[in-house]
N, C-alpha and C. Protein backbone atom coordinates (compact mmCIF):
# COMPACT_ATOMS: atom_id res chain seq x y z
N MET A 1 -12.27 -2.82 16.04
CA MET A 1 -11.95 -2.79 14.63
C MET A 1 -13.25 -2.53 13.87
N ASN A 2 -13.22 -1.56 12.94
CA ASN A 2 -14.45 -1.27 12.21
C ASN A 2 -14.72 -2.32 11.14
N LYS A 3 -15.92 -2.27 10.57
CA LYS A 3 -16.38 -3.27 9.61
C LYS A 3 -15.45 -3.37 8.39
N ASP A 4 -15.01 -2.23 7.85
CA ASP A 4 -14.13 -2.25 6.67
C ASP A 4 -12.79 -2.89 6.99
N ASN A 5 -12.22 -2.56 8.16
CA ASN A 5 -10.93 -3.16 8.54
C ASN A 5 -11.08 -4.66 8.74
N TRP A 6 -12.17 -5.09 9.35
CA TRP A 6 -12.40 -6.51 9.57
C TRP A 6 -12.49 -7.25 8.25
N LYS A 7 -13.25 -6.69 7.29
CA LYS A 7 -13.39 -7.31 5.97
C LYS A 7 -12.03 -7.47 5.31
N LEU A 8 -11.22 -6.43 5.34
CA LEU A 8 -9.90 -6.49 4.72
C LEU A 8 -9.02 -7.52 5.42
N LEU A 9 -9.09 -7.57 6.73
CA LEU A 9 -8.29 -8.53 7.47
C LEU A 9 -8.66 -9.97 7.09
N VAL A 10 -9.93 -10.24 6.94
CA VAL A 10 -10.38 -11.58 6.53
C VAL A 10 -9.84 -11.90 5.14
N VAL A 11 -9.90 -10.94 4.23
CA VAL A 11 -9.39 -11.17 2.87
C VAL A 11 -7.90 -11.44 2.90
N ILE A 12 -7.16 -10.69 3.69
CA ILE A 12 -5.71 -10.89 3.78
C ILE A 12 -5.40 -12.28 4.32
N LEU A 13 -6.16 -12.72 5.29
CA LEU A 13 -5.91 -14.03 5.86
C LEU A 13 -6.16 -15.16 4.88
N THR A 14 -7.03 -14.94 3.90
CA THR A 14 -7.31 -16.01 2.94
C THR A 14 -6.08 -16.39 2.13
N MET A 15 -5.14 -15.48 2.00
CA MET A 15 -3.96 -15.83 1.22
C MET A 15 -3.12 -16.88 1.93
N PHE A 16 -3.30 -17.04 3.23
CA PHE A 16 -2.55 -18.05 3.97
C PHE A 16 -3.27 -19.38 4.04
N THR A 17 -4.50 -19.44 3.55
CA THR A 17 -5.24 -20.69 3.57
C THR A 17 -5.36 -21.28 2.17
N GLY A 18 -4.74 -20.66 1.18
CA GLY A 18 -4.76 -21.19 -0.17
C GLY A 18 -5.98 -20.78 -0.98
N MET A 19 -6.82 -19.90 -0.46
CA MET A 19 -8.02 -19.50 -1.17
C MET A 19 -7.75 -18.43 -2.22
N ALA A 20 -6.80 -17.57 -2.00
CA ALA A 20 -6.52 -16.49 -2.93
C ALA A 20 -5.33 -16.87 -3.80
N HIS A 21 -5.44 -16.62 -5.10
CA HIS A 21 -4.37 -17.03 -6.01
C HIS A 21 -3.82 -15.90 -6.87
N ALA A 22 -4.56 -14.85 -7.10
CA ALA A 22 -4.12 -13.77 -7.97
C ALA A 22 -4.14 -12.46 -7.19
N ALA A 23 -3.64 -11.40 -7.83
CA ALA A 23 -3.67 -10.08 -7.19
C ALA A 23 -5.10 -9.77 -6.78
N ASP A 24 -5.23 -9.27 -5.58
CA ASP A 24 -6.56 -9.00 -5.04
C ASP A 24 -6.54 -7.62 -4.39
N TRP A 25 -6.92 -6.61 -5.15
CA TRP A 25 -6.92 -5.23 -4.66
C TRP A 25 -8.18 -4.98 -3.84
N GLU A 26 -7.99 -4.44 -2.64
CA GLU A 26 -9.08 -4.09 -1.74
C GLU A 26 -8.98 -2.61 -1.39
N SER A 27 -10.07 -1.90 -1.56
CA SER A 27 -10.11 -0.48 -1.21
C SER A 27 -10.17 -0.34 0.31
N ILE A 28 -9.30 0.53 0.86
CA ILE A 28 -9.30 0.73 2.31
C ILE A 28 -9.53 2.17 2.74
N ALA A 29 -9.44 3.12 1.81
CA ALA A 29 -9.67 4.52 2.15
C ALA A 29 -10.05 5.29 0.90
N LYS A 30 -11.02 6.20 1.05
CA LYS A 30 -11.47 6.99 -0.09
C LYS A 30 -11.76 8.41 0.36
N THR A 31 -11.25 9.35 -0.45
CA THR A 31 -11.56 10.76 -0.24
C THR A 31 -12.19 11.27 -1.53
N GLY A 32 -12.47 12.54 -1.60
CA GLY A 32 -13.06 13.09 -2.82
C GLY A 32 -12.15 13.01 -4.03
N ALA A 33 -10.84 13.04 -3.82
CA ALA A 33 -9.90 13.09 -4.94
C ALA A 33 -9.06 11.84 -5.11
N SER A 34 -9.12 10.89 -4.18
CA SER A 34 -8.28 9.70 -4.31
C SER A 34 -8.90 8.51 -3.59
N GLU A 35 -8.40 7.33 -3.97
CA GLU A 35 -8.81 6.10 -3.31
C GLU A 35 -7.58 5.23 -3.12
N LEU A 36 -7.40 4.71 -1.92
CA LEU A 36 -6.24 3.89 -1.56
C LEU A 36 -6.65 2.42 -1.53
N TRP A 37 -5.84 1.58 -2.18
CA TRP A 37 -6.08 0.14 -2.27
C TRP A 37 -4.84 -0.59 -1.78
N VAL A 38 -5.02 -1.82 -1.29
CA VAL A 38 -3.89 -2.70 -0.98
C VAL A 38 -4.07 -4.00 -1.75
N ASP A 39 -2.96 -4.57 -2.18
CA ASP A 39 -2.98 -5.87 -2.85
C ASP A 39 -2.76 -6.91 -1.77
N THR A 40 -3.85 -7.54 -1.35
CA THR A 40 -3.77 -8.48 -0.24
C THR A 40 -2.89 -9.68 -0.54
N ASP A 41 -2.73 -10.02 -1.81
CA ASP A 41 -1.88 -11.14 -2.19
C ASP A 41 -0.39 -10.80 -2.12
N SER A 42 -0.05 -9.54 -1.99
CA SER A 42 1.35 -9.15 -2.01
C SER A 42 2.00 -9.13 -0.63
N TYR A 43 1.24 -9.40 0.42
CA TYR A 43 1.81 -9.39 1.77
C TYR A 43 3.01 -10.33 1.83
N ALA A 44 4.10 -9.84 2.42
CA ALA A 44 5.30 -10.65 2.62
C ALA A 44 5.95 -10.23 3.93
N ASP A 45 6.68 -11.15 4.54
CA ASP A 45 7.40 -10.78 5.75
C ASP A 45 8.69 -11.59 5.86
N ASP A 46 9.55 -11.11 6.73
CA ASP A 46 10.77 -11.83 7.05
C ASP A 46 10.90 -11.81 8.57
N ASP A 47 12.07 -12.05 9.09
CA ASP A 47 12.23 -12.10 10.54
C ASP A 47 11.99 -10.77 11.23
N VAL A 48 12.07 -9.66 10.49
CA VAL A 48 11.96 -8.34 11.12
C VAL A 48 10.84 -7.49 10.55
N TYR A 49 10.66 -7.46 9.23
CA TYR A 49 9.75 -6.52 8.59
C TYR A 49 8.64 -7.21 7.79
N SER A 50 7.58 -6.46 7.55
CA SER A 50 6.47 -6.91 6.70
C SER A 50 6.24 -5.88 5.62
N SER A 51 5.85 -6.35 4.41
CA SER A 51 5.62 -5.41 3.32
C SER A 51 4.32 -5.73 2.59
N ILE A 52 3.82 -4.73 1.86
CA ILE A 52 2.61 -4.89 1.08
C ILE A 52 2.61 -3.82 -0.02
N TRP A 53 1.98 -4.16 -1.16
CA TRP A 53 1.83 -3.21 -2.26
C TRP A 53 0.54 -2.43 -2.09
N THR A 54 0.59 -1.15 -2.43
CA THR A 54 -0.59 -0.30 -2.43
C THR A 54 -0.73 0.34 -3.81
N LYS A 55 -1.93 0.80 -4.10
CA LYS A 55 -2.11 1.67 -5.26
C LYS A 55 -3.07 2.76 -4.84
N THR A 56 -2.81 3.95 -5.35
CA THR A 56 -3.68 5.08 -5.10
C THR A 56 -4.15 5.60 -6.45
N LEU A 57 -5.45 5.72 -6.59
CA LEU A 57 -6.06 6.25 -7.81
C LEU A 57 -6.45 7.70 -7.56
N TYR A 58 -6.13 8.58 -8.50
CA TYR A 58 -6.38 10.01 -8.35
C TYR A 58 -7.35 10.51 -9.42
N LYS A 59 -8.29 11.33 -8.99
CA LYS A 59 -9.21 11.98 -9.90
C LYS A 59 -9.50 13.36 -9.33
N PRO A 60 -9.04 14.39 -9.98
CA PRO A 60 -8.38 14.46 -11.28
C PRO A 60 -6.91 14.03 -11.20
N ALA A 61 -6.31 13.86 -12.36
CA ALA A 61 -4.91 13.47 -12.47
C ALA A 61 -4.01 14.53 -11.82
N LEU A 62 -2.85 14.11 -11.33
CA LEU A 62 -1.90 14.99 -10.67
C LEU A 62 -0.65 15.16 -11.52
N GLN A 63 0.03 16.27 -11.31
CA GLN A 63 1.29 16.55 -12.01
C GLN A 63 2.35 15.58 -11.51
N LEU A 64 3.05 14.93 -12.43
CA LEU A 64 4.11 14.00 -12.08
C LEU A 64 5.29 14.78 -11.50
N PRO A 65 5.77 14.40 -10.31
CA PRO A 65 6.90 15.13 -9.70
C PRO A 65 8.13 15.12 -10.60
N GLY A 66 8.72 16.28 -10.82
CA GLY A 66 9.94 16.42 -11.60
C GLY A 66 9.78 16.25 -13.10
N ALA A 67 8.56 16.11 -13.61
CA ALA A 67 8.34 15.90 -15.05
C ALA A 67 7.96 17.21 -15.72
N ALA A 68 7.99 17.19 -17.05
CA ALA A 68 7.60 18.36 -17.82
C ALA A 68 6.15 18.73 -17.53
N ALA A 69 5.85 20.01 -17.65
CA ALA A 69 4.49 20.49 -17.41
C ALA A 69 3.51 19.70 -18.27
N GLY A 70 2.40 19.34 -17.70
CA GLY A 70 1.37 18.61 -18.43
C GLY A 70 1.48 17.10 -18.33
N THR A 71 2.58 16.58 -17.77
CA THR A 71 2.71 15.14 -17.59
C THR A 71 2.01 14.78 -16.28
N LYS A 72 0.87 14.13 -16.41
CA LYS A 72 0.05 13.84 -15.23
C LYS A 72 -0.13 12.35 -15.04
N TYR A 73 -0.35 11.96 -13.80
CA TYR A 73 -0.59 10.56 -13.48
C TYR A 73 -1.93 10.39 -12.78
N VAL A 74 -2.50 9.21 -12.95
CA VAL A 74 -3.79 8.90 -12.32
C VAL A 74 -3.66 7.76 -11.32
N GLU A 75 -2.51 7.09 -11.33
CA GLU A 75 -2.30 5.96 -10.42
C GLU A 75 -0.86 5.93 -9.94
N LYS A 76 -0.72 5.66 -8.66
CA LYS A 76 0.61 5.46 -8.08
C LYS A 76 0.58 4.13 -7.36
N ARG A 77 1.56 3.27 -7.65
CA ARG A 77 1.71 2.01 -6.93
C ARG A 77 2.99 2.10 -6.12
N ALA A 78 2.92 1.54 -4.92
CA ALA A 78 4.08 1.62 -4.04
C ALA A 78 4.14 0.38 -3.15
N ARG A 79 5.36 -0.06 -2.88
CA ARG A 79 5.55 -1.15 -1.92
C ARG A 79 6.14 -0.55 -0.66
N PHE A 80 5.40 -0.73 0.43
CA PHE A 80 5.81 -0.22 1.72
C PHE A 80 6.26 -1.36 2.61
N GLU A 81 7.27 -1.08 3.42
CA GLU A 81 7.77 -2.04 4.38
C GLU A 81 7.56 -1.45 5.77
N PHE A 82 7.09 -2.29 6.70
CA PHE A 82 6.76 -1.82 8.04
C PHE A 82 7.60 -2.52 9.08
N ASP A 83 8.06 -1.73 10.05
CA ASP A 83 8.67 -2.24 11.27
C ASP A 83 7.56 -2.17 12.31
N CYS A 84 6.92 -3.29 12.56
CA CYS A 84 5.74 -3.30 13.43
C CYS A 84 6.08 -3.06 14.89
N VAL A 85 7.31 -3.33 15.29
CA VAL A 85 7.72 -3.09 16.68
C VAL A 85 7.91 -1.59 16.93
N LYS A 86 8.55 -0.91 15.99
CA LYS A 86 8.85 0.52 16.15
C LYS A 86 7.78 1.42 15.55
N HIS A 87 6.74 0.85 14.96
CA HIS A 87 5.66 1.62 14.33
C HIS A 87 6.23 2.61 13.30
N ALA A 88 7.05 2.05 12.41
CA ALA A 88 7.72 2.87 11.40
C ALA A 88 7.57 2.19 10.03
N PHE A 89 7.80 2.97 8.97
CA PHE A 89 7.68 2.44 7.61
C PHE A 89 8.75 3.05 6.72
N ARG A 90 8.93 2.41 5.57
CA ARG A 90 9.77 2.98 4.53
C ARG A 90 9.19 2.57 3.18
N LEU A 91 9.33 3.45 2.23
CA LEU A 91 8.92 3.19 0.85
C LEU A 91 10.05 2.43 0.18
N ARG A 92 9.74 1.25 -0.40
CA ARG A 92 10.77 0.43 -1.03
C ARG A 92 10.86 0.63 -2.53
N GLU A 93 9.71 0.82 -3.20
CA GLU A 93 9.69 1.10 -4.63
C GLU A 93 8.34 1.69 -5.00
N PHE A 94 8.32 2.39 -6.17
CA PHE A 94 7.08 3.05 -6.59
C PHE A 94 7.03 3.14 -8.10
N MET A 95 5.79 3.32 -8.61
CA MET A 95 5.56 3.48 -10.05
C MET A 95 4.39 4.44 -10.24
N TYR A 96 4.50 5.31 -11.23
CA TYR A 96 3.42 6.24 -11.60
C TYR A 96 2.89 5.85 -12.98
N TYR A 97 1.55 5.84 -13.11
CA TYR A 97 0.90 5.47 -14.37
C TYR A 97 0.01 6.61 -14.88
N GLY A 98 -0.01 6.76 -16.21
CA GLY A 98 -0.86 7.76 -16.85
C GLY A 98 -2.27 7.25 -17.07
N ALA A 99 -3.10 8.10 -17.67
CA ALA A 99 -4.52 7.81 -17.88
C ALA A 99 -4.74 6.61 -18.80
N LYS A 100 -3.78 6.30 -19.66
CA LYS A 100 -3.93 5.16 -20.59
C LYS A 100 -3.24 3.90 -20.05
N GLY A 101 -2.84 3.94 -18.80
CA GLY A 101 -2.18 2.78 -18.20
C GLY A 101 -0.69 2.71 -18.46
N GLU A 102 -0.14 3.73 -19.11
CA GLU A 102 1.28 3.72 -19.44
C GLU A 102 2.14 4.06 -18.21
N LEU A 103 3.26 3.35 -18.08
CA LEU A 103 4.19 3.61 -16.99
C LEU A 103 4.92 4.92 -17.29
N LEU A 104 4.80 5.89 -16.40
CA LEU A 104 5.44 7.19 -16.59
C LEU A 104 6.78 7.31 -15.88
N ASN A 105 6.88 6.67 -14.73
CA ASN A 105 8.10 6.78 -13.94
C ASN A 105 8.10 5.67 -12.89
N LYS A 106 9.28 5.24 -12.51
CA LYS A 106 9.40 4.28 -11.42
C LYS A 106 10.70 4.56 -10.69
N GLY A 107 10.80 4.06 -9.48
CA GLY A 107 12.00 4.29 -8.73
C GLY A 107 12.06 3.47 -7.47
N LYS A 108 13.19 3.57 -6.82
CA LYS A 108 13.42 2.88 -5.55
C LYS A 108 13.12 3.84 -4.42
N GLY A 109 12.73 3.29 -3.30
CA GLY A 109 12.42 4.09 -2.13
C GLY A 109 13.65 4.39 -1.30
N GLU A 110 13.44 4.56 -0.04
CA GLU A 110 14.49 4.95 0.89
C GLU A 110 14.87 3.79 1.80
N ASP A 111 16.07 3.88 2.38
CA ASP A 111 16.51 2.88 3.35
C ASP A 111 16.05 3.23 4.76
N ALA A 112 15.88 4.51 5.02
CA ALA A 112 15.54 4.97 6.37
C ALA A 112 14.05 4.77 6.66
N PHE A 113 13.76 4.36 7.89
CA PHE A 113 12.38 4.24 8.35
C PHE A 113 11.92 5.57 8.92
N LEU A 114 10.63 5.84 8.74
CA LEU A 114 10.00 7.04 9.28
C LEU A 114 8.86 6.62 10.19
N PRO A 115 8.54 7.43 11.21
CA PRO A 115 7.39 7.08 12.05
C PRO A 115 6.09 7.17 11.24
N VAL A 116 5.16 6.30 11.56
CA VAL A 116 3.86 6.32 10.90
C VAL A 116 3.00 7.37 11.61
N ALA A 117 2.52 8.35 10.84
CA ALA A 117 1.69 9.42 11.42
C ALA A 117 0.28 8.89 11.72
N PRO A 118 -0.22 9.12 12.93
CA PRO A 118 -1.57 8.68 13.26
C PRO A 118 -2.60 9.29 12.30
N GLN A 119 -3.62 8.53 11.99
CA GLN A 119 -4.72 8.95 11.12
C GLN A 119 -4.32 9.15 9.66
N SER A 120 -3.12 8.77 9.28
CA SER A 120 -2.68 8.89 7.89
C SER A 120 -3.05 7.61 7.13
N ALA A 121 -2.96 7.66 5.82
CA ALA A 121 -3.19 6.46 5.01
C ALA A 121 -2.16 5.40 5.37
N GLY A 122 -0.92 5.81 5.60
CA GLY A 122 0.12 4.88 6.00
C GLY A 122 -0.19 4.18 7.31
N TYR A 123 -0.86 4.89 8.20
CA TYR A 123 -1.25 4.30 9.48
C TYR A 123 -2.25 3.17 9.26
N LYS A 124 -3.19 3.40 8.36
CA LYS A 124 -4.20 2.38 8.07
C LYS A 124 -3.56 1.16 7.42
N VAL A 125 -2.70 1.37 6.44
CA VAL A 125 -2.01 0.26 5.77
C VAL A 125 -1.10 -0.47 6.76
N GLY A 126 -0.37 0.28 7.55
CA GLY A 126 0.54 -0.33 8.52
C GLY A 126 -0.19 -1.13 9.59
N THR A 127 -1.31 -0.61 10.06
CA THR A 127 -2.09 -1.31 11.07
C THR A 127 -2.56 -2.66 10.54
N LEU A 128 -3.09 -2.67 9.33
CA LEU A 128 -3.56 -3.92 8.74
C LEU A 128 -2.41 -4.89 8.49
N THR A 129 -1.31 -4.38 7.96
CA THR A 129 -0.15 -5.22 7.67
C THR A 129 0.39 -5.84 8.96
N CYS A 130 0.47 -5.05 10.01
CA CYS A 130 1.01 -5.55 11.28
C CYS A 130 0.03 -6.49 11.98
N GLN A 131 -1.27 -6.32 11.78
CA GLN A 131 -2.23 -7.28 12.33
C GLN A 131 -2.02 -8.65 11.70
N VAL A 132 -1.79 -8.66 10.40
CA VAL A 132 -1.53 -9.93 9.72
C VAL A 132 -0.24 -10.54 10.24
N ARG A 133 0.79 -9.71 10.40
CA ARG A 133 2.07 -10.21 10.90
C ARG A 133 1.90 -10.88 12.25
N ARG A 134 1.13 -10.27 13.14
CA ARG A 134 0.93 -10.85 14.46
C ARG A 134 0.20 -12.19 14.38
N MET A 135 -0.64 -12.37 13.38
CA MET A 135 -1.34 -13.65 13.23
C MET A 135 -0.44 -14.71 12.61
N VAL A 136 0.41 -14.27 11.69
CA VAL A 136 1.30 -15.21 11.00
C VAL A 136 2.50 -15.57 11.87
N ARG A 137 2.99 -14.60 12.62
CA ARG A 137 4.17 -14.79 13.49
C ARG A 137 3.81 -14.41 14.93
N PRO A 138 3.03 -15.26 15.60
CA PRO A 138 2.57 -14.92 16.97
C PRO A 138 3.71 -14.81 17.96
């Protein structure tokens, strides 16, 4: 496990020891045009699945899907649910925000699970989420 993944894993574990109390966004991936964060306080699980909230910041802003020309967003928040046994995920809900923090669009995700593509951002989020699940539910 690399240094960044280890740091994030330690932060995620603090929510189970009572140390973390508010939303705690941790950056886990950065490219020239975007940065991916996870809210370590949002981790949740049930008997089968685990979920976590993410946000992606974009620079420059991107065209909002299905919106009028010129409607751009700089942040996307999404809650992903992972099936750690089948290495699959599904998007449960999402929100797009403009440059002034205004909510531009929101919606529900899909019911169907998709395989997590290796080396993708989803792979990184899923790996961390499932590591926590294995520690919480050995």
